[in-house]
Amino acid sequence: MDKGKIALILLDGEKPSLDMLEPYWVESGIRVCADGAAAVCREYSLQPDIILGDLDSLDSATKAHFAASKIIEITDQDSTDGEKAVQYCIEKGFQSINLFGALGKRVDHTLYNLGLLKKFDNQGVDLTFISNDDIVFLMSATRTFTASPGTRISLLPVFGKVENVTTKGLAYALQNESLELGRHSSISNCFKKDTASVTLSSGRLLVVIEKQED
């Protein structure tokens, strides 16, 4: 995808490693830090294009350090800083958004952030969470994945029942299965081949794929 259409958002959850974050940073058309996450950029000597949020976690020293960045205060208390950052990137026309630091630390923040995948599901943007261990996104209909055999993949119906789930290329095949959280999910499945596919007739699946070494 064209670099100009890819946005990177850094949130203040589990800190990504610099080795993992840096290649995405270089390949992104815009880099947005949500409030306190700017401290991670300062630690890693990375210059964000935008720092935004209610700014209650942005200390004066970090703010002064990033005088060259655009700092946007959004005082709306009905949305989180992560939500504000995603909305900002969508309004700027970015078609693919990678979020780092969206998972970990606080359980309530993690669950709320996962809800953003559903909230922005039909807005024409490819939203992906990337952590040190996993890549997380939402899917419907049909999708094909590529990874090394043995790579872990989980299919989780966290937003309601998902019907007629069928997989190809996974070690534990599903054939027209009905998945529902608390009853039946596909957890810790793995790739049997380099390519795997998942199809479903209704609902949305949260897909968690083990991150591969570059």
C-alpha atoms as a PDB file:
ATOM      1  CA  MET A   1       0.000   0.000   0.000  1.00  0.00           C
ATOM      2  CA  ASP A   2       1.086   3.571  -0.707  1.00  0.00           C
ATOM      3  CA  LYS A   3       2.988   4.938   2.297  1.00  0.00           C
ATOM      4  CA  GLY A   4       0.862   8.077   2.207  1.00  0.00           C
ATOM      5  CA  LYS A   5      -2.249   6.056   3.024  1.00  0.00           C
ATOM      6  CA  ILE A   6      -0.823   4.281   6.090  1.00  0.00           C
ATOM      7  CA  ALA A   7      -1.160   5.820   9.557  1.00  0.00           C
ATOM      8  CA  LEU A   8       0.565   4.748  12.755  1.00  0.00           C
ATOM      9  CA  ILE A   9      -0.989   5.422  16.152  1.00  0.00           C
ATOM     10  CA  LEU A  10       0.870   4.869  19.400  1.00  0.00           C
ATOM     11  CA  LEU A  11      -1.199   4.436  22.562  1.00  0.00           C
ATOM     12  CA  ASP A  12      -0.072   4.250  26.168  1.00  0.00           C
ATOM     13  CA  GLY A  13      -0.634   0.526  26.756  1.00  0.00           C
ATOM     14  CA  GLU A  14       2.035  -2.170  26.635  1.00  0.00           C
ATOM     15  CA  LYS A  15       5.159  -0.540  25.203  1.00  0.00           C
ATOM     16  CA  PRO A  16       6.245  -1.940  21.827  1.00  0.00           C
ATOM     17  CA  SER A  17       9.915  -2.705  21.414  1.00  0.00           C
ATOM     18  CA  LEU A  18      11.879  -0.243  19.323  1.00  0.00           C
ATOM     19  CA  ASP A  19      13.031  -3.007  16.982  1.00  0.00           C
ATOM     20  CA  MET A  20       9.440  -3.956  16.289  1.00  0.00           C
ATOM     21  CA  LEU A  21       8.054  -0.417  16.064  1.00  0.00           C
ATOM     22  CA  GLU A  22      10.725   1.281  13.971  1.00  0.00           C
ATOM     23  CA  PRO A  23      10.075  -0.417  10.574  1.00  0.00           C
ATOM     24  CA  TYR A  24       6.393   0.514  10.766  1.00  0.00           C
ATOM     25  CA  TRP A  25       7.340   4.040  11.819  1.00  0.00           C
ATOM     26  CA  VAL A  26       9.489   4.498   8.711  1.00  0.00           C
ATOM     27  CA  GLU A  27       6.783   3.119   6.402  1.00  0.00           C
ATOM     28  CA  SER A  28       3.932   5.294   7.725  1.00  0.00           C
ATOM     29  CA  GLY A  29       2.617   8.465   6.157  1.00  0.00           C
ATOM     30  CA  ILE A  30       1.671   9.945   9.530  1.00  0.00           C
ATOM     31  CA  ARG A  31       2.663   9.069  13.112  1.00  0.00           C
ATOM     32  CA  VAL A  32       0.214  10.002  15.843  1.00  0.00           C
ATOM     33  CA  CYS A  33       0.849   9.720  19.583  1.00  0.00           C
ATOM     34  CA  ALA A  34      -2.102   9.637  21.927  1.00  0.00           C
ATOM     35  CA  ASP A  35      -1.272  11.828  24.916  1.00  0.00           C
ATOM     36  CA  GLY A  36       1.063  10.017  27.366  1.00  0.00           C
ATOM     37  CA  ALA A  37       2.401   7.707  24.665  1.00  0.00           C
ATOM     38  CA  ALA A  38       4.614  10.614  23.601  1.00  0.00           C
ATOM     39  CA  ALA A  39       6.923   9.611  26.457  1.00  0.00           C
ATOM     40  CA  VAL A  40       7.707   6.395  24.574  1.00  0.00           C
ATOM     41  CA  CYS A  41       8.644   8.394  21.469  1.00  0.00           C
ATOM     42  CA  ARG A  42      10.910  10.564  23.574  1.00  0.00           C
ATOM     43  CA  GLU A  43      12.577   7.482  25.054  1.00  0.00           C
ATOM     44  CA  TYR A  44      13.103   6.013  21.571  1.00  0.00           C
ATOM     45  CA  SER A  45      14.161   9.330  19.953  1.00  0.00           C
ATOM     46  CA  LEU A  46      11.249   9.166  17.499  1.00  0.00           C
ATOM     47  CA  GLN A  47       9.558  12.378  16.347  1.00  0.00           C
ATOM     48  CA  PRO A  48       5.751  12.086  16.074  1.00  0.00           C
ATOM     49  CA  ASP A  49       3.901  14.245  13.578  1.00  0.00           C
ATOM     50  CA  ILE A  50       0.912  14.685  15.885  1.00  0.00           C
ATOM     51  CA  ILE A  51       0.336  14.439  19.634  1.00  0.00           C
ATOM     52  CA  LEU A  52      -3.334  14.567  20.516  1.00  0.00           C
ATOM     53  CA  GLY A  53      -5.861  13.815  23.231  1.00  0.00           C
ATOM     54  CA  ASP A  54      -7.035  15.535  26.377  1.00  0.00           C
ATOM     55  CA  LEU A  55      -3.312  15.897  27.214  1.00  0.00           C
ATOM     56  CA  ASP A  56      -3.776  15.095  30.890  1.00  0.00           C
ATOM     57  CA  SER A  57      -0.825  12.661  30.718  1.00  0.00           C
ATOM     58  CA  LEU A  58       1.520  14.826  28.638  1.00  0.00           C
ATOM     59  CA  ASP A  59       4.075  16.307  31.040  1.00  0.00           C
ATOM     60  CA  SER A  60       5.582  19.724  30.380  1.00  0.00           C
ATOM     61  CA  ALA A  61       9.089  18.386  29.691  1.00  0.00           C
ATOM     62  CA  THR A  62       7.846  15.986  26.999  1.00  0.00           C
ATOM     63  CA  LYS A  63       5.644  18.686  25.506  1.00  0.00           C
ATOM     64  CA  ALA A  64       8.622  21.048  25.281  1.00  0.00           C
ATOM     65  CA  HIS A  65      10.793  18.265  23.821  1.00  0.00           C
ATOM     66  CA  PHE A  66       8.340  17.856  20.947  1.00  0.00           C
ATOM     67  CA  ALA A  67       7.933  21.518  20.109  1.00  0.00           C
ATOM     68  CA  ALA A  68       8.276  20.614  16.413  1.00  0.00           C
ATOM     69  CA  SER A  69       5.277  18.250  16.564  1.00  0.00           C
ATOM     70  CA  LYS A  70       1.708  19.447  16.122  1.00  0.00           C
ATOM     71  CA  ILE A  71      -0.062  19.196  19.478  1.00  0.00           C
ATOM     72  CA  ILE A  72      -3.866  19.015  19.411  1.00  0.00           C
ATOM     73  CA  GLU A  73      -5.923  19.189  22.585  1.00  0.00           C
ATOM     74  CA  ILE A  74      -9.320  17.477  22.319  1.00  0.00           C
ATOM     75  CA  THR A  75     -11.236  17.859  25.548  1.00  0.00           C
ATOM     76  CA  ASP A  76     -14.177  15.587  24.655  1.00  0.00           C
ATOM     77  CA  GLN A  77     -14.594  13.205  27.600  1.00  0.00           C
ATOM     78  CA  ASP A  78     -17.009  10.876  25.783  1.00  0.00           C
ATOM     79  CA  SER A  79     -14.182   9.234  23.843  1.00  0.00           C
ATOM     80  CA  THR A  80     -10.744   7.906  24.716  1.00  0.00           C
ATOM     81  CA  ASP A  81      -7.516   9.322  23.344  1.00  0.00           C
ATOM     82  CA  GLY A  82      -7.144   6.228  21.174  1.00  0.00           C
ATOM     83  CA  GLU A  83     -10.602   6.786  19.747  1.00  0.00           C
ATOM     84  CA  LYS A  84      -9.757  10.417  19.043  1.00  0.00           C
ATOM     85  CA  ALA A  85      -6.564   9.371  17.258  1.00  0.00           C
ATOM     86  CA  VAL A  86      -8.334   6.851  15.017  1.00  0.00           C
ATOM     87  CA  GLN A  87     -11.033   9.376  14.142  1.00  0.00           C
ATOM     88  CA  TYR A  88      -8.384  11.985  13.317  1.00  0.00           C
ATOM     89  CA  CYS A  89      -6.593   9.631  10.906  1.00  0.00           C
ATOM     90  CA  ILE A  90      -9.838   8.644   9.204  1.00  0.00           C
ATOM     91  CA  GLU A  91     -10.778  12.293   8.723  1.00  0.00           C
ATOM     92  CA  LYS A  92      -7.355  12.859   7.145  1.00  0.00           C
ATOM     93  CA  GLY A  93      -8.107  10.138   4.591  1.00  0.00           C
ATOM     94  CA  PHE A  94      -5.852   7.322   5.772  1.00  0.00           C
ATOM     95  CA  GLN A  95      -7.055   3.920   4.573  1.00  0.00           C
ATOM     96  CA  SER A  96      -4.871   1.713   6.774  1.00  0.00           C
ATOM     97  CA  ILE A  97      -4.206   2.362  10.468  1.00  0.00           C
ATOM     98  CA  ASN A  98      -1.778   0.374  12.621  1.00  0.00           C
ATOM     99  CA  LEU A  99      -2.198   0.805  16.381  1.00  0.00           C
ATOM    100  CA  PHE A 100       0.596   0.075  18.847  1.00  0.00           C
ATOM    101  CA  GLY A 101       0.249   0.089  22.636  1.00  0.00           C
ATOM    102  CA  ALA A 102      -3.490  -0.615  22.372  1.00  0.00           C
ATOM    103  CA  LEU A 103      -3.234  -3.825  24.412  1.00  0.00           C
ATOM    104  CA  GLY A 104      -1.837  -4.632  27.835  1.00  0.00           C
ATOM    105  CA  LYS A 105      -1.528  -2.763  31.132  1.00  0.00           C
ATOM    106  CA  ARG A 106      -5.193  -2.160  32.079  1.00  0.00           C
ATOM    107  CA  VAL A 107      -7.826  -4.766  31.213  1.00  0.00           C
ATOM    108  CA  ASP A 108     -10.579  -2.139  30.831  1.00  0.00           C
ATOM    109  CA  HIS A 109      -8.502  -0.145  28.346  1.00  0.00           C
ATOM    110  CA  THR A 110      -7.641  -3.294  26.400  1.00  0.00           C
ATOM    111  CA  LEU A 111     -11.297  -4.340  26.128  1.00  0.00           C
ATOM    112  CA  TYR A 112     -12.403  -0.837  25.179  1.00  0.00           C
ATOM    113  CA  ASN A 113      -9.703  -0.582  22.519  1.00  0.00           C
ATOM    114  CA  LEU A 114     -10.758  -3.909  21.017  1.00  0.00           C
ATOM    115  CA  GLY A 115     -14.224  -2.388  20.736  1.00  0.00           C
ATOM    116  CA  LEU A 116     -12.768   0.232  18.390  1.00  0.00           C
ATOM    117  CA  LEU A 117     -12.372  -2.510  15.795  1.00  0.00           C
ATOM    118  CA  LYS A 118     -16.138  -2.861  15.732  1.00  0.00           C
ATOM    119  CA  LYS A 119     -16.879   0.857  16.030  1.00  0.00           C
ATOM    120  CA  PHE A 120     -14.844   1.716  12.939  1.00  0.00           C
ATOM    121  CA  ASP A 121     -15.581  -1.522  11.090  1.00  0.00           C
ATOM    122  CA  ASN A 122     -17.718   0.019   8.322  1.00  0.00           C
ATOM    123  CA  GLN A 123     -15.811   3.260   7.762  1.00  0.00           C
ATOM    124  CA  GLY A 124     -13.606   2.100   4.899  1.00  0.00           C
ATOM    125  CA  VAL A 125     -10.446   1.750   6.964  1.00  0.00           C
ATOM    126  CA  ASP A 126      -8.242  -1.268   7.642  1.00  0.00           C
ATOM    127  CA  LEU A 127      -7.639  -1.133  11.398  1.00  0.00           C
ATOM    128  CA  THR A 128      -4.968  -3.415  12.884  1.00  0.00           C
ATOM    129  CA  PHE A 129      -3.557  -3.755  16.400  1.00  0.00           C
ATOM    130  CA  ILE A 130       0.095  -4.780  16.580  1.00  0.00           C
ATOM    131  CA  SER A 131       1.821  -5.857  19.779  1.00  0.00           C
ATOM    132  CA  ASN A 132       5.192  -7.416  20.469  1.00  0.00           C
ATOM    133  CA  ASP A 133       3.549 -10.845  20.171  1.00  0.00           C
ATOM    134  CA  ASP A 134       0.439 -10.587  18.014  1.00  0.00           C
ATOM    135  CA  ILE A 135      -1.383  -8.970  15.120  1.00  0.00           C
ATOM    136  CA  VAL A 136      -5.100  -8.436  15.827  1.00  0.00           C
ATOM    137  CA  PHE A 137      -7.924  -7.408  13.488  1.00  0.00           C
ATOM    138  CA  LEU A 138     -11.579  -7.991  12.699  1.00  0.00           C
ATOM    139  CA  MET A 139     -12.838  -9.973   9.714  1.00  0.00           C
ATOM    140  CA  SER A 140     -16.094 -10.841   7.998  1.00  0.00           C
ATOM    141  CA  ALA A 141     -17.003 -12.866   4.885  1.00  0.00           C
ATOM    142  CA  THR A 142     -13.768 -14.399   3.540  1.00  0.00           C
ATOM    143  CA  ARG A 143     -10.105 -13.711   4.178  1.00  0.00           C
ATOM    144  CA  THR A 144      -6.835 -15.402   3.238  1.00  0.00           C
ATOM    145  CA  PHE A 145      -3.731 -15.284   5.436  1.00  0.00           C
ATOM    146  CA  THR A 146      -0.083 -16.119   4.835  1.00  0.00           C
ATOM    147  CA  ALA A 147       2.281 -17.293   7.578  1.00  0.00           C
ATOM    148  CA  SER A 148       4.826 -20.013   8.277  1.00  0.00           C
ATOM    149  CA  PRO A 149       3.454 -23.461   9.168  1.00  0.00           C
ATOM    150  CA  GLY A 150       3.031 -23.753  12.932  1.00  0.00           C
ATOM    151  CA  THR A 151       2.196 -20.065  13.395  1.00  0.00           C
ATOM    152  CA  ARG A 152      -0.502 -19.606  16.039  1.00  0.00           C
ATOM    153  CA  ILE A 153      -3.891 -18.203  15.014  1.00  0.00           C
ATOM    154  CA  SER A 154      -7.052 -17.769  17.085  1.00  0.00           C
ATOM    155  CA  LEU A 155     -10.565 -16.986  15.826  1.00  0.00           C
ATOM    156  CA  LEU A 156     -12.681 -15.359  18.532  1.00  0.00           C
ATOM    157  CA  PRO A 157     -16.374 -14.396  18.269  1.00  0.00           C
ATOM    158  CA  VAL A 158     -16.095 -11.538  20.774  1.00  0.00           C
ATOM    159  CA  PHE A 159     -18.858  -9.394  19.217  1.00  0.00           C
ATOM    160  CA  GLY A 160     -21.594 -12.028  19.056  1.00  0.00           C
ATOM    161  CA  LYS A 161     -22.373 -15.321  17.381  1.00  0.00           C
ATOM    162  CA  VAL A 162     -20.605 -16.070  14.097  1.00  0.00           C
ATOM    163  CA  GLU A 163     -22.195 -18.557  11.726  1.00  0.00           C
ATOM    164  CA  ASN A 164     -20.888 -21.108   9.236  1.00  0.00           C
ATOM    165  CA  VAL A 165     -17.177 -20.687   9.919  1.00  0.00           C
ATOM    166  CA  THR A 166     -15.059 -22.822   7.603  1.00  0.00           C
ATOM    167  CA  THR A 167     -11.267 -22.912   7.499  1.00  0.00           C
ATOM    168  CA  LYS A 168      -8.709 -24.276   5.066  1.00  0.00           C
ATOM    169  CA  GLY A 169      -5.001 -24.698   5.744  1.00  0.00           C
ATOM    170  CA  LEU A 170      -5.257 -24.791   9.548  1.00  0.00           C
ATOM    171  CA  ALA A 171      -4.280 -27.728  11.744  1.00  0.00           C
ATOM    172  CA  TYR A 172      -7.706 -27.916  13.404  1.00  0.00           C
ATOM    173  CA  ALA A 173     -10.233 -27.448  10.636  1.00  0.00           C
ATOM    174  CA  LEU A 174     -13.648 -25.877  11.110  1.00  0.00           C
ATOM    175  CA  GLN A 175     -16.484 -26.876   8.797  1.00  0.00           C
ATOM    176  CA  ASN A 176     -19.614 -24.711   8.880  1.00  0.00           C
ATOM    177  CA  GLU A 177     -19.164 -24.188  12.635  1.00  0.00           C
ATOM    178  CA  SER A 178     -21.175 -21.784  14.777  1.00  0.00           C
ATOM    179  CA  LEU A 179     -18.872 -19.874  17.128  1.00  0.00           C
ATOM    180  CA  GLU A 180     -19.989 -18.023  20.240  1.00  0.00           C
ATOM    181  CA  LEU A 181     -17.893 -16.611  23.071  1.00  0.00           C
ATOM    182  CA  GLY A 182     -18.120 -18.787  26.160  1.00  0.00           C
ATOM    183  CA  ARG A 183     -19.396 -21.740  24.139  1.00  0.00           C
ATOM    184  CA  HIS A 184     -17.185 -22.437  21.136  1.00  0.00           C
ATOM    185  CA  SER A 185     -14.147 -20.596  19.744  1.00  0.00           C
ATOM    186  CA  SER A 186     -11.047 -21.576  17.809  1.00  0.00           C
ATOM    187  CA  ILE A 187      -8.233 -20.757  20.235  1.00  0.00           C
ATOM    188  CA  SER A 188      -4.551 -21.527  19.606  1.00  0.00           C
ATOM    189  CA  ASN A 189      -5.102 -23.084  16.203  1.00  0.00           C
ATOM    190  CA  CYS A 190      -2.120 -22.995  13.850  1.00  0.00           C
ATOM    191  CA  PHE A 191      -1.174 -22.849  10.194  1.00  0.00           C
ATOM    192  CA  LYS A 192      -0.722 -26.248   8.568  1.00  0.00           C
ATOM    193  CA  LYS A 193       0.417 -24.661   5.294  1.00  0.00           C
ATOM    194  CA  ASP A 194       1.867 -21.311   4.252  1.00  0.00           C
ATOM    195  CA  THR A 195      -1.601 -20.094   3.278  1.00  0.00           C
ATOM    196  CA  ALA A 196      -4.866 -20.436   5.155  1.00  0.00           C
ATOM    197  CA  SER A 197      -8.373 -19.104   4.573  1.00  0.00           C
ATOM    198  CA  VAL A 198     -11.390 -18.421   6.760  1.00  0.00           C
ATOM    199  CA  THR A 199     -14.945 -17.934   5.531  1.00  0.00           C
ATOM    200  CA  LEU A 200     -18.127 -17.158   7.443  1.00  0.00           C
ATOM    201  CA  SER A 201     -21.696 -16.292   6.532  1.00  0.00           C
ATOM    202  CA  SER A 202     -22.572 -13.793   9.275  1.00  0.00           C
ATOM    203  CA  GLY A 203     -20.986 -11.948  12.181  1.00  0.00           C
ATOM    204  CA  ARG A 204     -17.454 -10.738  12.831  1.00  0.00           C
ATOM    205  CA  LEU A 205     -14.416 -12.702  14.020  1.00  0.00           C
ATOM    206  CA  LEU A 206     -11.555 -11.251  16.002  1.00  0.00           C
ATOM    207  CA  VAL A 207      -8.425 -12.750  14.453  1.00  0.00           C
ATOM    208  CA  VAL A 208      -5.236 -12.998  16.516  1.00  0.00           C
ATOM    209  CA  ILE A 209      -2.136 -14.139  14.614  1.00  0.00           C
ATOM    210  CA  GLU A 210       1.243 -14.698  16.212  1.00  0.00           C
ATOM    211  CA  LYS A 211       3.639 -12.007  15.002  1.00  0.00           C
ATOM    212  CA  GLN A 212       6.402 -13.332  12.789  1.00  0.00           C
ATOM    213  CA  GLU A 213      10.038 -12.333  13.047  1.00  0.00           C
ATOM    214  CA  ASP A 214      10.998  -9.963  10.228  1.00  0.00           C
END
